[in-house]
Amino acid sequence: MQITINSKLRPVAPEWQEETLLNVLREHFGLVGTKFGCGTAQCGACTVHIDGQATRSCIVPIQTVGTRAVTSIEGLASKDGLHPVQLAWLKNAVPQCGYCQAGQVMAAVALLNKTPKPSDQQIDTALEGNLCRCGTQQRIRNAIKQVAGERG
């Protein structure tokens, strides 16, 4: 079996077939930006994109990924630099402890791809399942609005 992760086709060993996407990303491919939080898809720390949709990787069995494209936080940046959402995160000093940030960024990118000019309510709804105990939700909203404003 092979899966596409961050635009690269990667082999999945037969002994990994019973593992979650999160575990395969972290333990077998060294993509540790995606975090383990709760293991039950409740906190959002493990959020990645599968075919552009924000998805909790801690509950996705690797064998169900199939031919769909997986993007982790490491796959957002391009050869030209960080993704605009990552840049806005830095400019707005969003990270504090940083643990939830990869999941927050991935959820924000998925939102902006679907809704280029989201309202506060749309932002709150899209990110409500991504927990941040440091209380940076207002900075997160500001960063998302900044990127939306820069897009035109």
Protein backbone atom coordinates (compact mmCIF):
# COMPACT_ATOMS: atom_id res chain seq x y z
CA MET A 1 0.00 0.00 0.00
CA GLN A 2 1.09 3.57 -0.68
CA ILE A 3 -0.37 6.92 0.40
CA THR A 4 0.31 10.48 -0.68
CA ILE A 5 1.57 12.67 2.15
CA ASN A 6 2.55 16.26 1.44
CA SER A 7 2.56 15.57 -2.31
CA LYS A 8 4.93 12.60 -1.98
CA LEU A 9 3.91 8.99 -2.54
CA ARG A 10 5.04 6.99 0.48
CA PRO A 11 5.00 3.26 1.16
CA VAL A 12 2.95 1.92 4.05
CA ALA A 13 4.44 -1.25 5.49
CA PRO A 14 2.05 -4.17 6.01
CA GLU A 15 2.64 -4.10 9.77
CA TRP A 16 1.29 -0.51 9.92
CA GLN A 17 -2.12 -1.47 8.50
CA GLU A 18 -3.83 -1.40 11.91
CA GLU A 19 -2.41 1.98 12.93
CA THR A 20 -3.97 5.43 12.75
CA LEU A 21 -2.93 8.05 10.26
CA LEU A 22 -1.59 10.13 13.16
CA ASN A 23 0.69 7.35 14.35
CA VAL A 24 1.98 6.64 10.85
CA LEU A 25 2.71 10.34 10.27
CA ARG A 26 4.55 10.77 13.55
CA GLU A 27 6.20 7.43 14.20
CA HIS A 28 7.01 6.16 10.74
CA PHE A 29 7.51 9.31 8.67
CA GLY A 30 8.82 11.66 11.37
CA LEU A 31 6.15 14.31 10.71
CA VAL A 32 5.77 15.32 14.34
CA GLY A 33 4.10 18.69 13.78
CA THR A 34 0.76 16.90 13.98
CA LYS A 35 0.19 16.30 17.68
CA PHE A 36 -1.48 13.60 19.74
CA GLY A 37 -3.91 15.23 22.14
CA CYS A 38 -6.92 13.22 23.19
CA GLY A 39 -6.98 10.27 20.80
CA THR A 40 -10.76 10.64 20.39
CA ALA A 41 -11.04 13.48 17.83
CA GLN A 42 -12.20 15.95 20.46
CA CYS A 43 -9.29 18.38 20.80
CA GLY A 44 -8.12 19.01 17.21
CA ALA A 45 -4.37 18.82 17.89
CA CYS A 46 -4.09 16.05 15.28
CA THR A 47 -5.88 17.92 12.47
CA VAL A 48 -4.54 17.33 8.96
CA HIS A 49 -6.12 17.73 5.53
CA ILE A 50 -7.39 14.76 3.59
CA ASP A 51 -8.25 15.94 0.10
CA GLY A 52 -8.40 19.47 1.50
CA GLN A 53 -10.83 18.68 4.32
CA ALA A 54 -9.77 19.26 7.92
CA THR A 55 -9.69 15.78 9.46
CA ARG A 56 -8.76 14.41 12.88
CA SER A 57 -5.98 11.97 12.11
CA CYS A 58 -6.09 10.24 15.50
CA ILE A 59 -9.19 8.28 14.52
CA VAL A 60 -8.47 7.64 10.83
CA PRO A 61 -7.25 4.08 10.23
CA ILE A 62 -4.35 4.27 7.78
CA GLN A 63 -5.91 1.60 5.55
CA THR A 64 -8.92 3.89 4.90
CA VAL A 65 -6.85 6.72 3.42
CA GLY A 66 -6.50 5.02 0.05
CA THR A 67 -5.68 7.37 -2.83
CA ARG A 68 -6.75 10.54 -1.03
CA ALA A 69 -4.06 13.19 -0.53
CA VAL A 70 -2.92 13.88 3.03
CA THR A 71 -1.38 17.23 3.98
CA SER A 72 0.19 17.72 7.39
CA ILE A 73 1.38 21.01 8.86
CA GLU A 74 4.80 20.30 7.35
CA GLY A 75 3.22 20.28 3.89
CA LEU A 76 1.68 23.77 4.04
CA ALA A 77 4.84 25.73 3.38
CA SER A 78 6.16 25.92 -0.16
CA LYS A 79 9.61 26.47 -1.59
CA ASP A 80 8.73 30.19 -1.52
CA GLY A 81 8.15 30.19 2.25
CA LEU A 82 5.50 29.75 4.88
CA HIS A 83 1.81 29.55 4.05
CA PRO A 84 -0.03 32.90 4.50
CA VAL A 85 -1.88 31.51 7.53
CA GLN A 86 1.40 30.50 9.15
CA LEU A 87 2.77 33.99 8.52
CA ALA A 88 -0.37 35.58 10.00
CA TRP A 89 -0.02 33.33 13.06
CA LEU A 90 3.46 34.71 13.64
CA LYS A 91 2.52 38.32 12.91
CA ASN A 92 -0.39 38.13 15.39
CA ALA A 93 1.69 36.31 18.06
CA VAL A 94 -0.87 33.52 18.21
CA PRO A 95 1.25 30.69 19.66
CA GLN A 96 1.80 30.52 23.36
CA CYS A 97 2.52 26.96 24.41
CA GLY A 98 2.11 25.99 20.74
CA TYR A 99 0.74 22.50 21.27
CA CYS A 100 -2.60 23.09 19.52
CA GLN A 101 -1.27 25.39 16.83
CA ALA A 102 -0.71 22.88 14.01
CA GLY A 103 -4.31 21.74 14.32
CA GLN A 104 -5.55 25.32 14.55
CA VAL A 105 -3.60 26.33 11.43
CA MET A 106 -4.85 23.32 9.47
CA ALA A 107 -8.46 24.08 10.45
CA ALA A 108 -8.00 27.75 9.52
CA VAL A 109 -6.53 26.89 6.10
CA ALA A 110 -9.42 24.52 5.37
CA LEU A 111 -11.90 27.24 6.39
CA LEU A 112 -10.27 29.88 4.19
CA ASN A 113 -10.13 27.50 1.24
CA LYS A 114 -13.86 26.90 1.58
CA THR A 115 -14.90 30.38 2.76
CA PRO A 116 -12.40 33.05 1.64
CA LYS A 117 -14.06 35.84 3.66
CA PRO A 118 -15.41 34.16 6.80
CA SER A 119 -17.48 35.98 9.40
CA ASP A 120 -16.59 35.82 13.09
CA GLN A 121 -19.32 33.20 13.53
CA GLN A 122 -17.95 31.09 10.66
CA ILE A 123 -14.46 31.30 12.15
CA ASP A 124 -15.71 30.33 15.60
CA THR A 125 -17.75 27.43 14.19
CA ALA A 126 -14.89 26.11 12.04
CA LEU A 127 -12.44 26.16 14.94
CA GLU A 128 -14.74 25.32 17.85
CA GLY A 129 -13.45 21.75 18.05
CA ASN A 130 -9.81 22.85 18.20
CA LEU A 131 -9.07 23.45 21.84
CA CYS A 132 -6.63 26.12 23.00
CA ARG A 133 -6.05 26.25 26.72
CA CYS A 134 -3.82 29.32 26.44
CA GLY A 135 -6.77 31.48 25.41
CA THR A 136 -5.47 32.78 22.09
CA GLN A 137 -8.81 32.50 20.31
CA GLN A 138 -9.03 36.25 19.65
CA ARG A 139 -5.55 36.27 18.11
CA ILE A 140 -6.51 33.23 16.02
CA ARG A 141 -9.59 35.08 14.74
CA ASN A 142 -7.48 38.17 13.98
CA ALA A 143 -4.92 36.10 12.05
CA ILE A 144 -7.65 34.47 9.95
CA LYS A 145 -9.24 37.84 9.24
CA GLN A 146 -5.84 39.23 8.25
CA VAL A 147 -5.35 36.50 5.65
CA ALA A 148 -8.92 36.96 4.38
CA GLY A 149 -8.31 40.69 4.04
CA GLU A 150 -5.04 40.18 2.18
CA ARG A 151 -6.82 38.01 -0.37
CA GLY A 152 -8.75 40.91 -1.63
